[in-house]
Amino acid sequence: MDKTVPPGAAILLDFIRETEVGRSDRASYDVIYGHNQAKLPKPLTAMTYGEIVDAQAKWSKRFGSSAAGGYQFMRATLIDLAKQVTSISGNDVFTPDLQDRLAYKLLVRRGYPEFIVGKISLVQFAENLAKEWASFPVLATAKRSEREVRRGQSYYAGDGLNKALVRPEKVEAVLQEVLDAARRPHEPVEEPEARPVPSPGPKPKAKPVGKSGRFWTWLLTAGGTIVTGLKELNLVALDWRVQIAILVVIVGFAVYAISSMPAARGAMGLK
């Protein structure tokens, strides 16, 4: 059952489907009039809304009626529903959920909301259902055109095609169950509580370059290396251009090391 259908209406729709096609399981949604669904090229629930309406034009002559699906929708009914429910497209697949939603629309048309709040009686609502689904009996004598229909008969009794398939006492019992279920308070579905996301802590402030121990370590190391190299290797005896080249290499290495420090890179605007 489609989850958008209210609990009370869901009970009634299951009962309607079982009464109309003789079953209420998944296969009930594929039934067409006279249980001729095996003669179709593919299951009803695999066809689109438009394909079914087009095919129904020939079913009355071929099978005796255009009734299709778990709720035995007539071709005229499907065309009318498509006009009323503008969200329906001819390309929509005739799934069980779609059939449930369409059938609920028919319940609303026939006074389901008024029945639930007590604006119409159980007997009147049952007659409304009998007008929509021919397998349902009226619960009291009713007049149809020039013909009188007695309790327990289909509203369309005498047309040579339809008859009631369920006893009136059963309809009364189910409608009372529907009424009780619809008026019973239902707990709303609780959504899982969202876990609080911990806020990120303050980022540690980078030390100024001048206060960084690593900065002074590299700087003093570079300076010491220059002095030691000149003294130990007697580089002062070398050509002055060679001395400058060696000095540039040592200083360049020191600058690279210092510039790799996060604090130094931040101070220089580097990422």
Protein backbone atom coordinates (compact mmCIF):
# COMPACT_ATOMS: atom_id res chain seq x y z
CA MET A 1 0.00 0.00 0.00
CA ASP A 2 1.27 3.44 -0.91
CA LYS A 3 2.52 5.20 2.23
CA THR A 4 0.61 8.40 1.44
CA VAL A 5 -2.72 6.61 1.92
CA PRO A 6 -4.13 7.15 5.46
CA PRO A 7 -4.43 4.04 7.70
CA GLY A 8 -8.24 3.83 7.61
CA ALA A 9 -8.35 4.29 3.85
CA ALA A 10 -5.63 1.65 3.42
CA ILE A 11 -7.83 -0.93 5.19
CA LEU A 12 -10.74 -0.06 2.93
CA LEU A 13 -8.67 -0.16 -0.26
CA ASP A 14 -7.32 -3.61 0.59
CA PHE A 15 -10.91 -4.77 1.09
CA ILE A 16 -12.05 -3.19 -2.18
CA ARG A 17 -9.23 -4.85 -4.10
CA GLU A 18 -9.97 -8.25 -2.61
CA THR A 19 -13.68 -7.87 -3.37
CA GLU A 20 -13.17 -6.63 -6.92
CA VAL A 21 -10.54 -9.11 -8.13
CA GLY A 22 -10.62 -11.88 -5.52
CA ARG A 23 -7.21 -11.21 -3.99
CA SER A 24 -5.28 -8.44 -2.26
CA ASP A 25 -1.66 -9.44 -2.91
CA ARG A 26 0.83 -7.94 -5.37
CA ALA A 27 -0.66 -9.88 -8.29
CA SER A 28 -4.04 -8.22 -7.71
CA TYR A 29 -2.73 -5.04 -9.34
CA ASP A 30 -2.24 -6.83 -12.68
CA VAL A 31 -5.81 -8.13 -13.02
CA ILE A 32 -8.12 -6.99 -15.81
CA TYR A 33 -11.81 -7.76 -16.25
CA GLY A 34 -12.58 -11.46 -16.48
CA HIS A 35 -9.05 -12.30 -15.33
CA ASN A 36 -7.83 -11.99 -18.90
CA GLN A 37 -4.48 -10.45 -17.95
CA ALA A 38 -2.56 -13.44 -19.37
CA LYS A 39 -3.71 -12.34 -22.83
CA LEU A 40 -1.89 -9.02 -22.56
CA PRO A 41 1.57 -8.59 -24.15
CA LYS A 42 3.00 -7.51 -20.79
CA PRO A 43 1.79 -7.15 -17.18
CA LEU A 44 -0.49 -4.23 -16.42
CA THR A 45 1.95 -2.88 -13.81
CA ALA A 46 4.67 -2.71 -16.49
CA MET A 47 2.50 -0.64 -18.83
CA THR A 48 2.25 3.13 -18.80
CA TYR A 49 -0.88 5.08 -18.00
CA GLY A 50 -1.20 6.10 -21.64
CA GLU A 51 -0.70 2.56 -22.94
CA ILE A 52 -3.48 1.26 -20.70
CA VAL A 53 -5.98 3.97 -21.65
CA ASP A 54 -5.26 3.32 -25.34
CA ALA A 55 -5.59 -0.45 -24.93
CA GLN A 56 -8.83 -0.15 -22.92
CA ALA A 57 -10.57 1.26 -25.99
CA LYS A 58 -10.66 -2.31 -27.37
CA TRP A 59 -11.06 -4.26 -24.14
CA SER A 60 -14.81 -3.69 -23.77
CA LYS A 61 -15.44 -5.46 -27.06
CA ARG A 62 -12.73 -8.06 -26.54
CA PHE A 63 -13.20 -8.89 -22.85
CA GLY A 64 -16.60 -7.40 -21.97
CA SER A 65 -15.31 -4.44 -19.94
CA SER A 66 -12.40 -2.03 -19.80
CA ALA A 67 -11.93 -2.56 -16.03
CA ALA A 68 -8.23 -2.72 -15.17
CA GLY A 69 -5.99 -3.05 -12.13
CA GLY A 70 -6.54 -3.90 -8.51
CA TYR A 71 -9.43 -1.44 -8.29
CA GLN A 72 -10.87 -2.26 -11.72
CA PHE A 73 -10.55 1.25 -13.11
CA MET A 74 -12.80 1.88 -16.10
CA ARG A 75 -11.33 3.70 -19.09
CA ALA A 76 -13.57 6.73 -18.54
CA THR A 77 -12.48 6.84 -14.89
CA LEU A 78 -8.77 6.86 -15.77
CA ILE A 79 -9.30 9.61 -18.33
CA ASP A 80 -11.22 11.67 -15.78
CA LEU A 81 -8.60 11.13 -13.06
CA ALA A 82 -5.85 12.25 -15.44
CA LYS A 83 -7.73 15.53 -15.91
CA GLN A 84 -8.22 15.98 -12.17
CA VAL A 85 -4.71 14.99 -11.07
CA THR A 86 -2.52 17.16 -13.28
CA SER A 87 0.67 15.52 -12.00
CA ILE A 88 -0.24 12.31 -13.82
CA SER A 89 1.55 11.79 -17.11
CA GLY A 90 0.77 9.33 -19.86
CA ASN A 91 4.33 8.05 -19.38
CA ASP A 92 3.80 7.13 -15.72
CA VAL A 93 4.06 3.39 -15.12
CA PHE A 94 0.85 1.88 -13.71
CA THR A 95 2.53 0.66 -10.53
CA PRO A 96 0.71 -0.63 -7.43
CA ASP A 97 1.53 2.60 -5.59
CA LEU A 98 0.06 4.71 -8.39
CA GLN A 99 -3.08 2.57 -8.39
CA ASP A 100 -3.40 3.02 -4.61
CA ARG A 101 -3.16 6.79 -4.93
CA LEU A 102 -5.72 6.88 -7.72
CA ALA A 103 -8.13 4.68 -5.77
CA TYR A 104 -7.77 6.94 -2.75
CA LYS A 105 -8.76 9.86 -4.99
CA LEU A 106 -11.94 7.95 -5.79
CA LEU A 107 -12.60 7.39 -2.08
CA VAL A 108 -12.30 11.11 -1.47
CA ARG A 109 -14.69 11.78 -4.34
CA ARG A 110 -17.18 9.40 -2.79
CA GLY A 111 -17.14 11.12 0.59
CA TYR A 112 -14.45 9.37 2.61
CA PRO A 113 -13.42 12.53 4.53
CA GLU A 114 -17.08 13.34 5.29
CA PHE A 115 -17.67 9.78 6.48
CA ILE A 116 -14.70 9.93 8.86
CA VAL A 117 -15.87 13.16 10.52
CA GLY A 118 -19.50 12.04 10.69
CA LYS A 119 -21.00 14.31 8.05
CA ILE A 120 -22.47 11.34 6.17
CA SER A 121 -23.68 8.04 7.58
CA LEU A 122 -22.14 4.63 7.15
CA VAL A 123 -25.13 3.59 5.01
CA GLN A 124 -24.76 6.61 2.72
CA PHE A 125 -21.03 6.11 2.32
CA ALA A 126 -21.59 2.44 1.50
CA GLU A 127 -24.03 3.47 -1.23
CA ASN A 128 -21.45 5.90 -2.59
CA LEU A 129 -18.91 3.07 -2.72
CA ALA A 130 -21.45 0.83 -4.47
CA LYS A 131 -21.82 3.48 -7.16
CA GLU A 132 -18.05 3.40 -7.75
CA TRP A 133 -17.43 -0.34 -7.35
CA ALA A 134 -20.19 -2.53 -8.72
CA SER A 135 -19.16 -5.54 -6.60
CA PHE A 136 -20.24 -3.67 -3.45
CA PRO A 137 -23.82 -3.97 -2.21
CA VAL A 138 -26.03 -1.18 -0.94
CA LEU A 139 -26.90 -1.44 2.76
CA ALA A 140 -30.43 -0.12 2.40
CA THR A 141 -32.99 0.20 -0.36
CA ALA A 142 -31.83 2.71 -2.95
CA LYS A 143 -33.33 4.10 -6.13
CA ARG A 144 -31.41 4.11 -9.41
CA SER A 145 -33.27 5.86 -12.20
CA GLU A 146 -36.54 3.93 -12.48
CA ARG A 147 -35.25 0.87 -10.68
CA GLU A 148 -35.22 0.11 -6.97
CA VAL A 149 -32.21 -1.70 -5.52
CA ARG A 150 -32.62 -3.68 -2.31
CA ARG A 151 -30.13 -4.19 0.54
CA GLY A 152 -27.42 -6.64 -0.47
CA GLN A 153 -27.73 -5.97 -4.20
CA SER A 154 -25.23 -4.22 -6.42
CA TYR A 155 -26.20 -0.66 -7.23
CA TYR A 156 -26.09 -1.78 -10.87
CA ALA A 157 -28.10 -4.96 -10.35
CA GLY A 158 -30.15 -5.90 -13.39
CA ASP A 159 -27.74 -4.59 -16.02
CA GLY A 160 -26.77 -8.14 -16.95
CA LEU A 161 -23.12 -7.52 -16.11
CA ASN A 162 -22.68 -6.64 -12.45
CA LYS A 163 -23.64 -8.20 -9.14
CA ALA A 164 -22.62 -7.80 -5.50
CA LEU A 165 -19.74 -10.07 -4.50
CA VAL A 166 -19.74 -9.48 -0.75
CA ARG A 167 -22.43 -9.62 1.93
CA PRO A 168 -23.70 -6.32 3.38
CA GLU A 169 -22.83 -7.43 6.92
CA LYS A 170 -19.18 -7.75 5.90
CA VAL A 171 -19.20 -4.26 4.40
CA GLU A 172 -20.69 -2.85 7.60
CA ALA A 173 -18.02 -4.56 9.71
CA VAL A 174 -15.16 -3.33 7.52
CA LEU A 175 -16.48 0.23 7.39
CA GLN A 176 -16.71 0.27 11.18
CA GLU A 177 -13.11 -0.96 11.35
CA VAL A 178 -12.10 1.77 8.91
CA LEU A 179 -13.87 4.37 11.02
CA ASP A 180 -12.16 3.21 14.20
CA ALA A 181 -8.72 3.16 12.55
CA ALA A 182 -9.17 6.60 11.00
CA ARG A 183 -10.26 8.18 14.28
CA ARG A 184 -7.55 6.51 16.34
CA PRO A 185 -4.66 8.86 17.10
CA HIS A 186 -1.53 7.87 15.26
CA GLU A 187 1.94 8.62 16.49
CA PRO A 188 3.92 10.67 14.01
CA VAL A 189 7.00 9.04 12.56
CA GLU A 190 9.94 10.37 14.50
CA GLU A 191 12.95 11.41 12.53
CA PRO A 192 16.31 10.43 14.00
CA GLU A 193 17.86 13.23 16.01
CA ALA A 194 20.73 14.92 14.31
CA ARG A 195 23.95 14.62 16.26
CA PRO A 196 25.52 17.98 17.08
CA VAL A 197 28.57 18.68 15.00
CA PRO A 198 31.44 19.81 17.24
CA SER A 199 32.60 23.29 16.36
CA PRO A 200 36.23 23.48 15.32
CA GLY A 201 38.54 24.85 18.00
CA PRO A 202 40.54 28.03 17.51
CA LYS A 203 43.52 27.61 15.27
CA PRO A 204 46.84 27.97 17.10
CA LYS A 205 48.49 31.25 16.35
CA ALA A 206 51.75 30.99 14.48
CA LYS A 207 54.77 32.34 16.31
CA PRO A 208 56.39 35.43 14.83
CA VAL A 209 59.38 34.47 12.72
CA GLY A 210 61.72 36.41 15.01
CA LYS A 211 60.59 34.36 18.04
CA SER A 212 60.92 31.00 16.34
CA GLY A 213 63.67 28.78 17.75
CA ARG A 214 63.93 27.01 14.42
CA PHE A 215 64.64 30.34 12.67
CA TRP A 216 67.56 31.21 14.92
CA THR A 217 68.88 27.65 14.81
CA TRP A 218 69.14 27.70 11.03
CA LEU A 219 70.49 31.24 10.96
CA LEU A 220 73.23 30.56 13.50
CA THR A 221 74.04 27.24 11.83
CA ALA A 222 74.49 28.97 8.49
CA GLY A 223 76.69 31.66 10.02
CA GLY A 224 78.75 29.14 11.95
CA THR A 225 79.18 26.99 8.87
CA ILE A 226 80.57 29.93 6.94
CA VAL A 227 83.07 30.86 9.63
CA THR A 228 84.15 27.27 10.25
CA GLY A 229 84.50 26.54 6.55
CA LEU A 230 86.67 29.55 5.95
CA LYS A 231 88.84 28.69 8.93
CA GLU A 232 89.19 24.91 8.67
CA LEU A 233 89.46 24.61 4.93
CA ASN A 234 91.66 27.63 4.58
CA LEU A 235 89.19 28.97 2.03
CA VAL A 236 90.58 32.44 2.48
CA ALA A 237 93.44 31.34 0.26
CA LEU A 238 91.02 30.64 -2.57
CA ASP A 239 90.16 33.06 -5.30
CA TRP A 240 87.62 35.61 -4.06
CA ARG A 241 85.10 34.55 -6.71
CA VAL A 242 85.22 30.95 -5.47
CA GLN A 243 84.71 32.18 -1.94
CA ILE A 244 81.63 34.15 -3.00
CA ALA A 245 80.19 31.12 -4.85
CA ILE A 246 80.61 28.90 -1.78
CA LEU A 247 79.08 31.60 0.40
CA VAL A 248 76.07 31.94 -1.92
CA VAL A 249 75.43 28.18 -1.80
CA ILE A 250 75.55 28.09 2.01
CA VAL A 251 73.35 31.17 2.40
CA GLY A 252 70.89 29.84 -0.21
CA PHE A 253 70.57 26.60 1.71
CA ALA A 254 69.90 28.51 4.92
CA VAL A 255 67.28 30.73 3.24
CA TYR A 256 65.50 27.67 1.80
CA ALA A 257 65.42 25.99 5.20
CA ILE A 258 64.08 29.09 6.92
CA SER A 259 61.45 29.75 4.20
CA SER A 260 60.07 26.21 4.64
CA MET A 261 58.96 27.09 8.17
CA PRO A 262 55.13 27.64 8.42
CA ALA A 263 55.59 30.87 10.34
CA ALA A 264 58.02 32.22 7.78
CA ARG A 265 55.79 31.20 4.85
CA GLY A 266 52.80 32.87 6.52
CA ALA A 267 54.76 36.06 7.09
CA MET A 268 55.76 36.07 3.41
CA GLY A 269 52.16 35.43 2.24
CA LEU A 270 52.97 31.94 0.94
CA LYS A 271 50.68 28.89 1.28
